[in-house]
Amino acid sequence: MARMNKIFFSLVLGLIIIGERQVFAVETQIDDVRILIDVSGSMKKNDPDNLRRPALDLVIELLPDKSTAGVWTFAKYVNMLVPHQSVTSSWREKAKKQTKKIHSAGLFTDIEQVLQQATVNPKSRRHRNSVILLSDGLVDISPDDTLSAASKKRIIEQVIPRLKQANVAVHTIALSSGSDKTLLRDIALSTGGWYEQVDDAASLQRTFLHLFEKSAKRDTVPIAEENQFMIDASVTEMTILVFRQAGSPATLLQTPSGQQIDAKTIDENIRWLNDESGYDLITINQPAVGEWTIQAQFDPDNRVMVLTDLQLQTSQLPNNIVSGEYFDFDIQLTNNDQLIDRPAFLSLVDVSVAQETNNKLVFEENINN
């Protein structure tokens, strides 16, 4: 599996302004995410429990409102499983019903056709255009190997350049050692995407989470190793993702007042999804201000995602960064999409940058001016 590098910007109350440089507003990008799922017969071996379904369900739940998304399945033919539309509560409900139709009965593996059909109308550069492609096989469109070889050549010589020109980042997942890892890696690297090799379908949920985070922006708050996190008054909604270990007790949340809540708690402001595949997804409207605690085993893939009017707007980091490479990166703080530029407020700013590789801290530095 490829090494997962993460760069974090930690901010308390403000925005950094460097020297006399003028910082302009960064245009908010709309996320456009298209997910392509292999349903060829070989998946019976490589994903016998059809763990593609809960992995896809997780991404569907996490997609932010106002983004656009769609799901395509492919084998010999391409099927638009979930229509490419704006993400709403209604879209999510319909999408999760459709994921039950993911199967492992298709013939052949036509990667060229699904890339062509799913990206025929890429969004404008106001959008962050991303594709997540999962396959466990080789380009295989016919019993005639020469036709399959020609299809692979077209992917390299025609499809990849078109996607790159259209600013579409393709993140690829190779499920099994028998997949065309070289092609899937080349597709990802050539389009500015990320490549992952997964040898066990049980890892699909976490892999989809990582690639989702490269495709769609969600504001998060950090979770300390003691499983505690802070919520301030600007947060109007939070969604907590907790991965459960096999045989572990039920997940509990402790509120700032000390109250414990769980999946059985009845509260109109709490929506608790206890997925049998091994995770809890808890959404709480108007969460209490203060320190919360997740009463479960600490997991570096757990997340706390928030909706807030106070947001850190950033330019986009490249998915692949060469050691020693330099690039400009702008960060700004906004309130209701309006730039905060009051010196009295900005004087309270505290900004730091950190890099993690495979969940291990590489470096951390305070970058206040």
Protein backbone atom coordinates (compact mmCIF):
# COMPACT_ATOMS: atom_id res chain seq x y z
CA MET A 1 0.00 0.00 0.00
CA ALA A 2 1.24 3.49 -0.77
CA ARG A 3 2.44 5.63 2.11
CA MET A 4 -0.20 8.07 3.26
CA ASN A 5 1.21 11.54 3.87
CA LYS A 6 -0.89 14.18 5.58
CA ILE A 7 -0.25 17.86 6.12
CA PHE A 8 -2.29 19.59 8.81
CA PHE A 9 -2.78 23.26 9.56
CA SER A 10 -3.81 23.93 13.13
CA LEU A 11 -5.38 27.29 13.85
CA VAL A 12 -6.67 29.00 16.95
CA LEU A 13 -8.98 31.97 16.31
CA GLY A 14 -7.34 33.50 13.29
CA LEU A 15 -5.40 33.88 10.11
CA ILE A 16 -1.73 34.33 9.44
CA ILE A 17 -0.58 37.25 7.29
CA ILE A 18 3.03 36.99 6.18
CA GLY A 19 4.99 40.24 6.06
CA GLU A 20 3.53 42.85 3.75
CA ARG A 21 2.09 40.30 1.34
CA GLN A 22 -1.54 40.97 0.49
CA VAL A 23 -3.76 37.91 0.89
CA PHE A 24 -6.71 37.69 -1.48
CA ALA A 25 -9.88 35.75 -0.94
CA VAL A 26 -9.61 32.12 -2.01
CA GLU A 27 -12.60 31.13 -4.11
CA THR A 28 -14.51 28.33 -2.43
CA GLN A 29 -14.45 25.23 -4.60
CA ILE A 30 -17.42 22.91 -4.98
CA ASP A 31 -16.52 19.24 -4.66
CA ASP A 32 -17.50 16.94 -7.53
CA VAL A 33 -16.91 13.27 -6.71
CA ARG A 34 -17.50 10.37 -9.11
CA ILE A 35 -17.05 6.83 -7.81
CA LEU A 36 -16.41 3.91 -10.18
CA ILE A 37 -16.87 0.38 -8.80
CA ASP A 38 -15.70 -2.84 -10.46
CA VAL A 39 -18.44 -5.52 -10.42
CA SER A 40 -16.66 -8.17 -12.48
CA GLY A 41 -16.85 -11.84 -11.50
CA SER A 42 -13.37 -11.88 -9.96
CA MET A 43 -14.77 -9.80 -7.09
CA LYS A 44 -16.35 -13.02 -5.78
CA LYS A 45 -12.82 -14.02 -4.79
CA ASN A 46 -11.31 -10.67 -3.87
CA ASP A 47 -14.37 -9.22 -2.10
CA PRO A 48 -16.42 -12.28 -1.10
CA ASP A 49 -18.37 -10.40 1.58
CA ASN A 50 -19.10 -7.49 -0.76
CA LEU A 51 -17.45 -4.96 1.52
CA ARG A 52 -17.62 -2.49 -1.34
CA ARG A 53 -21.18 -1.77 -0.19
CA PRO A 54 -20.48 -0.51 3.36
CA ALA A 55 -17.36 1.32 2.15
CA LEU A 56 -19.44 3.16 -0.42
CA ASP A 57 -22.22 3.78 2.12
CA LEU A 58 -19.69 5.49 4.38
CA VAL A 59 -18.58 7.88 1.64
CA ILE A 60 -22.20 8.62 0.74
CA GLU A 61 -22.90 9.59 4.36
CA LEU A 62 -19.82 11.81 4.56
CA LEU A 63 -20.27 13.72 1.29
CA PRO A 64 -20.99 17.36 2.15
CA ASP A 65 -24.22 19.04 1.13
CA LYS A 66 -23.96 21.17 -2.02
CA SER A 67 -21.26 18.92 -3.46
CA THR A 68 -22.11 16.85 -6.53
CA ALA A 69 -21.59 13.11 -6.79
CA GLY A 70 -22.48 9.98 -8.71
CA VAL A 71 -21.67 6.26 -8.72
CA TRP A 72 -21.00 4.03 -11.71
CA THR A 73 -20.47 0.26 -11.76
CA PHE A 74 -18.62 -1.46 -14.56
CA ALA A 75 -17.66 -4.83 -16.00
CA LYS A 76 -18.44 -5.45 -19.69
CA TYR A 77 -20.96 -2.61 -19.55
CA VAL A 78 -21.15 0.62 -17.57
CA ASN A 79 -24.14 1.37 -15.37
CA MET A 80 -24.87 4.69 -13.66
CA LEU A 81 -25.86 3.20 -10.32
CA VAL A 82 -26.46 6.53 -8.56
CA PRO A 83 -27.32 9.60 -10.68
CA HIS A 84 -24.74 12.36 -10.77
CA GLN A 85 -26.54 15.13 -8.89
CA SER A 86 -26.23 17.61 -6.05
CA VAL A 87 -25.85 15.88 -2.69
CA THR A 88 -28.89 16.26 -0.45
CA SER A 89 -30.53 14.12 2.23
CA SER A 90 -32.87 12.73 -0.41
CA TRP A 91 -29.94 11.90 -2.71
CA ARG A 92 -28.18 10.05 0.12
CA GLU A 93 -31.27 7.97 0.90
CA LYS A 94 -31.68 6.95 -2.73
CA ALA A 95 -27.96 6.31 -3.13
CA LYS A 96 -27.80 3.95 -0.13
CA LYS A 97 -30.68 1.94 -1.55
CA GLN A 98 -28.79 1.60 -4.82
CA THR A 99 -25.58 0.36 -3.20
CA LYS A 100 -27.41 -2.86 -2.36
CA LYS A 101 -27.29 -3.61 -6.09
CA ILE A 102 -23.48 -3.86 -6.16
CA HIS A 103 -22.64 -7.41 -7.24
CA SER A 104 -19.82 -9.61 -8.52
CA ALA A 105 -21.40 -11.16 -11.59
CA GLY A 106 -20.11 -9.09 -14.49
CA LEU A 107 -17.99 -10.24 -17.41
CA PHE A 108 -14.76 -8.49 -18.39
CA THR A 109 -13.30 -5.26 -16.92
CA ASP A 110 -13.71 -2.24 -19.18
CA ILE A 111 -11.81 0.50 -17.37
CA GLU A 112 -11.59 2.63 -20.51
CA GLN A 113 -15.34 2.75 -21.02
CA VAL A 114 -16.17 3.65 -17.42
CA LEU A 115 -13.58 6.44 -17.35
CA GLN A 116 -14.98 7.82 -20.60
CA GLN A 117 -18.65 7.66 -19.63
CA ALA A 118 -18.30 8.85 -16.03
CA THR A 119 -16.22 11.90 -16.99
CA VAL A 120 -17.89 12.92 -20.23
CA ASN A 121 -19.00 16.22 -18.70
CA PRO A 122 -16.40 17.35 -16.13
CA LYS A 123 -17.34 20.38 -14.07
CA SER A 124 -15.67 23.76 -14.46
CA ARG A 125 -12.50 24.72 -12.64
CA ARG A 126 -14.70 26.22 -9.90
CA HIS A 127 -15.15 22.60 -8.90
CA ARG A 128 -12.64 20.21 -7.43
CA ASN A 129 -13.14 17.32 -9.86
CA SER A 130 -12.27 13.92 -8.42
CA VAL A 131 -12.80 10.32 -9.46
CA ILE A 132 -12.36 7.30 -7.17
CA LEU A 133 -11.76 4.17 -9.25
CA LEU A 134 -11.80 0.70 -7.65
CA SER A 135 -10.76 -2.34 -9.68
CA ASP A 136 -9.34 -5.78 -8.95
CA GLY A 137 -8.31 -6.74 -12.47
CA LEU A 138 -6.60 -5.95 -15.73
CA VAL A 139 -8.04 -4.11 -18.72
CA ASP A 140 -10.10 -6.94 -20.19
CA ILE A 141 -12.77 -6.11 -22.76
CA SER A 142 -12.74 -9.19 -25.00
CA PRO A 143 -11.44 -12.76 -25.32
CA ASP A 144 -9.21 -11.23 -28.01
CA ASP A 145 -6.14 -9.98 -26.13
CA THR A 146 -5.26 -7.54 -28.90
CA LEU A 147 -8.51 -5.63 -28.30
CA SER A 148 -7.76 -5.37 -24.58
CA ALA A 149 -4.22 -4.18 -25.32
CA ALA A 150 -5.60 -1.53 -27.67
CA SER A 151 -8.01 -0.36 -24.96
CA LYS A 152 -5.18 -0.02 -22.46
CA LYS A 153 -3.17 1.96 -25.00
CA ARG A 154 -6.09 4.36 -25.51
CA ILE A 155 -6.32 4.88 -21.75
CA ILE A 156 -2.66 5.90 -21.66
CA GLU A 157 -2.56 7.96 -24.85
CA GLN A 158 -6.04 9.51 -24.96
CA VAL A 159 -8.05 9.17 -21.74
CA ILE A 160 -5.36 10.21 -19.25
CA PRO A 161 -4.34 13.36 -21.21
CA ARG A 162 -8.01 14.37 -21.52
CA LEU A 163 -8.62 13.97 -17.79
CA LYS A 164 -5.46 15.89 -16.97
CA GLN A 165 -6.49 18.70 -19.31
CA ALA A 166 -9.95 18.80 -17.69
CA ASN A 167 -8.40 19.08 -14.20
CA VAL A 168 -9.84 15.73 -13.06
CA ALA A 169 -7.85 13.95 -10.35
CA VAL A 170 -8.34 10.18 -10.49
CA HIS A 171 -7.68 8.30 -7.24
CA THR A 172 -7.24 4.59 -7.86
CA ILE A 173 -7.58 1.50 -5.67
CA ALA A 174 -6.03 -1.79 -6.76
CA LEU A 175 -7.90 -4.55 -4.94
CA SER A 176 -5.81 -7.73 -5.30
CA SER A 177 -2.32 -8.54 -6.46
CA GLY A 178 -3.73 -9.50 -9.86
CA SER A 179 -4.82 -5.98 -10.78
CA ASP A 180 -2.89 -3.86 -13.26
CA LYS A 181 -1.07 -1.94 -10.54
CA THR A 182 1.19 -0.16 -13.01
CA LEU A 183 -1.73 1.21 -15.02
CA LEU A 184 -3.75 2.22 -11.96
CA ARG A 185 -0.72 3.94 -10.46
CA ASP A 186 0.00 5.75 -13.73
CA ILE A 187 -3.61 6.94 -14.01
CA ALA A 188 -3.44 8.38 -10.49
CA LEU A 189 -0.02 10.01 -10.72
CA SER A 190 -0.61 11.44 -14.20
CA THR A 191 -3.85 13.15 -13.16
CA GLY A 192 -2.67 14.38 -9.76
CA GLY A 193 -4.57 11.66 -7.91
CA TRP A 194 -3.57 9.12 -5.26
CA TYR A 195 -2.94 5.39 -5.66
CA GLU A 196 -3.67 2.73 -3.04
CA GLN A 197 -3.12 -1.02 -3.17
CA VAL A 198 -5.45 -2.99 -0.92
CA ASP A 199 -4.71 -6.68 -0.40
CA ASP A 200 -7.67 -7.30 1.90
CA ALA A 201 -11.20 -6.06 1.21
CA ALA A 202 -11.62 -5.49 4.96
CA SER A 203 -9.47 -2.37 4.52
CA LEU A 204 -11.80 -0.82 1.95
CA GLN A 205 -13.70 1.40 4.39
CA ARG A 206 -10.56 3.12 5.61
CA THR A 207 -9.14 3.37 2.10
CA PHE A 208 -12.36 4.96 0.84
CA LEU A 209 -12.24 7.36 3.80
CA HIS A 210 -8.69 8.44 2.92
CA LEU A 211 -9.54 8.98 -0.74
CA PHE A 212 -12.79 10.74 0.16
CA GLU A 213 -10.73 13.22 2.19
CA LYS A 214 -8.63 13.90 -0.90
CA SER A 215 -11.79 14.45 -2.96
CA ALA A 216 -14.09 16.48 -0.70
CA LYS A 217 -13.37 19.06 1.94
CA ARG A 218 -14.86 18.66 5.42
CA ASP A 219 -13.87 20.85 8.36
CA THR A 220 -12.57 18.76 11.24
CA VAL A 221 -11.40 19.20 14.81
CA PRO A 222 -8.49 17.18 16.21
CA ILE A 223 -8.99 14.21 18.52
CA ALA A 224 -6.43 13.88 21.32
CA GLU A 225 -4.96 10.48 22.18
CA GLU A 226 -7.23 10.45 25.23
CA ASN A 227 -10.15 10.49 22.74
CA GLN A 228 -11.14 14.01 23.70
CA PHE A 229 -12.00 16.92 21.43
CA MET A 230 -13.18 20.49 21.86
CA ILE A 231 -16.31 22.07 20.37
CA ASP A 232 -16.80 25.85 20.41
CA ALA A 233 -19.87 28.03 20.04
CA SER A 234 -19.42 28.48 16.28
CA VAL A 235 -20.20 24.79 15.56
CA THR A 236 -23.79 24.17 14.49
CA GLU A 237 -23.44 20.45 13.72
CA MET A 238 -20.84 17.75 14.21
CA THR A 239 -20.47 14.27 12.73
CA ILE A 240 -18.31 11.76 14.58
CA LEU A 241 -16.89 8.70 12.83
CA VAL A 242 -15.75 5.94 15.20
CA PHE A 243 -14.27 2.68 13.92
CA ARG A 244 -15.06 -0.25 16.22
CA GLN A 245 -12.64 -3.08 16.85
CA ALA A 246 -13.98 -6.64 16.68
CA GLY A 247 -15.44 -7.64 20.03
CA SER A 248 -15.21 -4.14 21.47
CA PRO A 249 -18.01 -2.74 23.67
CA ALA A 250 -20.58 -0.35 22.24
CA THR A 251 -19.39 3.18 21.57
CA LEU A 252 -20.32 5.86 24.10
CA LEU A 253 -20.02 9.65 23.95
CA GLN A 254 -19.55 11.82 27.00
CA THR A 255 -20.82 15.38 26.72
CA PRO A 256 -19.12 18.39 28.34
CA SER A 257 -21.62 18.13 31.21
CA GLY A 258 -20.65 14.50 31.86
CA GLN A 259 -23.79 12.94 30.35
CA GLN A 260 -23.26 9.68 28.45
CA ILE A 261 -25.09 9.05 25.19
CA ASP A 262 -25.14 5.97 22.98
CA ALA A 263 -26.97 4.48 20.01
CA LYS A 264 -30.10 3.98 22.13
CA THR A 265 -30.30 7.61 23.26
CA ILE A 266 -33.53 9.24 22.10
CA ASP A 267 -32.93 12.86 21.14
CA GLU A 268 -34.24 14.73 18.10
CA ASN A 269 -30.83 16.40 17.70
CA ILE A 270 -28.93 13.10 17.53
CA ARG A 271 -28.72 10.70 14.59
CA TRP A 272 -26.71 7.57 15.38
CA LEU A 273 -25.84 5.10 12.62
CA ASN A 274 -24.46 1.87 14.08
CA ASP A 275 -23.19 0.04 11.00
CA GLU A 276 -22.76 -3.71 11.35
CA SER A 277 -19.59 -3.57 9.26
CA GLY A 278 -17.71 -1.94 12.12
CA TYR A 279 -18.24 1.79 12.54
CA ASP A 280 -20.50 4.33 14.24
CA LEU A 281 -21.47 7.57 12.53
CA ILE A 282 -23.04 10.05 14.93
CA THR A 283 -24.46 13.40 13.82
CA ILE A 284 -25.43 15.92 16.50
CA ASN A 285 -27.14 19.23 15.83
CA GLN A 286 -26.24 22.18 18.05
CA PRO A 287 -23.67 20.23 20.09
CA ALA A 288 -22.83 21.49 23.57
CA VAL A 289 -19.78 23.72 23.87
CA GLY A 290 -16.78 22.25 25.66
CA GLU A 291 -14.76 19.05 25.89
CA TRP A 292 -16.31 15.85 24.53
CA THR A 293 -14.96 12.32 25.02
CA ILE A 294 -15.31 9.29 22.76
CA GLN A 295 -15.49 6.23 25.00
CA ALA A 296 -14.00 3.69 22.62
CA GLN A 297 -10.56 2.46 21.64
CA PHE A 298 -8.45 5.23 20.12
CA ASP A 299 -8.15 4.91 16.34
CA PRO A 300 -6.18 7.32 14.12
CA ASP A 301 -8.89 7.03 11.46
CA ASN A 302 -11.64 8.31 13.75
CA ARG A 303 -12.89 11.74 12.74
CA VAL A 304 -14.89 14.67 14.10
CA MET A 305 -16.31 16.73 11.23
CA VAL A 306 -18.08 20.01 11.92
CA LEU A 307 -20.31 22.58 10.27
CA THR A 308 -19.45 26.10 11.32
CA ASP A 309 -19.76 29.65 10.01
CA LEU A 310 -16.17 30.24 11.14
CA GLN A 311 -14.05 28.48 8.52
CA LEU A 312 -10.46 28.13 7.45
CA GLN A 313 -10.35 28.63 3.68
CA THR A 314 -7.29 27.21 1.95
CA SER A 315 -5.89 26.82 -1.51
CA GLN A 316 -5.66 23.19 -2.58
CA LEU A 317 -2.65 21.08 -1.64
CA PRO A 318 -1.36 18.78 -4.39
CA ASN A 319 -1.93 15.09 -3.70
CA ASN A 320 1.64 14.24 -4.66
CA ILE A 321 4.55 16.37 -3.45
CA VAL A 322 8.15 15.66 -4.41
CA SER A 323 10.71 15.96 -1.62
CA GLY A 324 12.20 19.45 -1.73
CA GLU A 325 9.39 20.88 -3.86
CA TYR A 326 8.14 24.41 -3.11
CA PHE A 327 4.63 25.71 -3.68
CA ASP A 328 2.44 28.61 -2.55
CA PHE A 329 -0.31 27.89 -0.08
CA ASP A 330 -2.81 30.49 1.13
CA ILE A 331 -4.95 30.22 4.25
CA GLN A 332 -7.69 32.60 5.33
CA LEU A 333 -10.29 32.74 8.05
CA THR A 334 -13.86 33.61 7.10
CA ASN A 335 -17.12 34.10 8.94
CA ASN A 336 -20.23 33.44 6.85
CA ASP A 337 -17.93 33.42 3.80
CA GLN A 338 -16.69 36.93 4.60
CA LEU A 339 -12.95 37.44 5.05
CA ILE A 340 -11.93 38.34 8.59
CA ASP A 341 -9.31 41.09 8.39
CA ARG A 342 -9.68 42.99 11.68
CA PRO A 343 -6.18 43.39 13.19
CA ALA A 344 -7.51 43.13 16.74
CA PHE A 345 -8.94 39.71 15.95
CA LEU A 346 -6.00 38.54 13.87
CA SER A 347 -3.57 39.39 16.66
CA LEU A 348 -5.07 36.41 18.51
CA VAL A 349 -4.05 34.03 15.74
CA ASP A 350 -2.00 30.93 16.46
CA VAL A 351 -1.11 28.81 13.41
CA SER A 352 1.02 25.69 13.16
CA VAL A 353 1.76 23.19 10.39
CA ALA A 354 2.40 19.48 10.84
CA GLN A 355 3.15 16.57 8.53
CA GLU A 356 2.23 12.96 9.23
CA THR A 357 3.31 9.86 7.32
CA ASN A 358 1.39 6.66 8.02
CA ASN A 359 -0.09 8.32 11.13
CA LYS A 360 3.37 9.15 12.51
CA LEU A 361 4.33 12.78 13.11
CA VAL A 362 7.22 13.81 10.85
CA PHE A 363 7.47 17.43 11.95
CA GLU A 364 5.43 20.21 13.51
CA GLU A 365 6.21 23.92 13.47
CA ASN A 366 4.54 27.11 14.62
CA ILE A 367 4.40 29.50 11.66
CA ASN A 368 3.09 32.66 13.29
CA ASN A 369 4.65 35.81 11.90
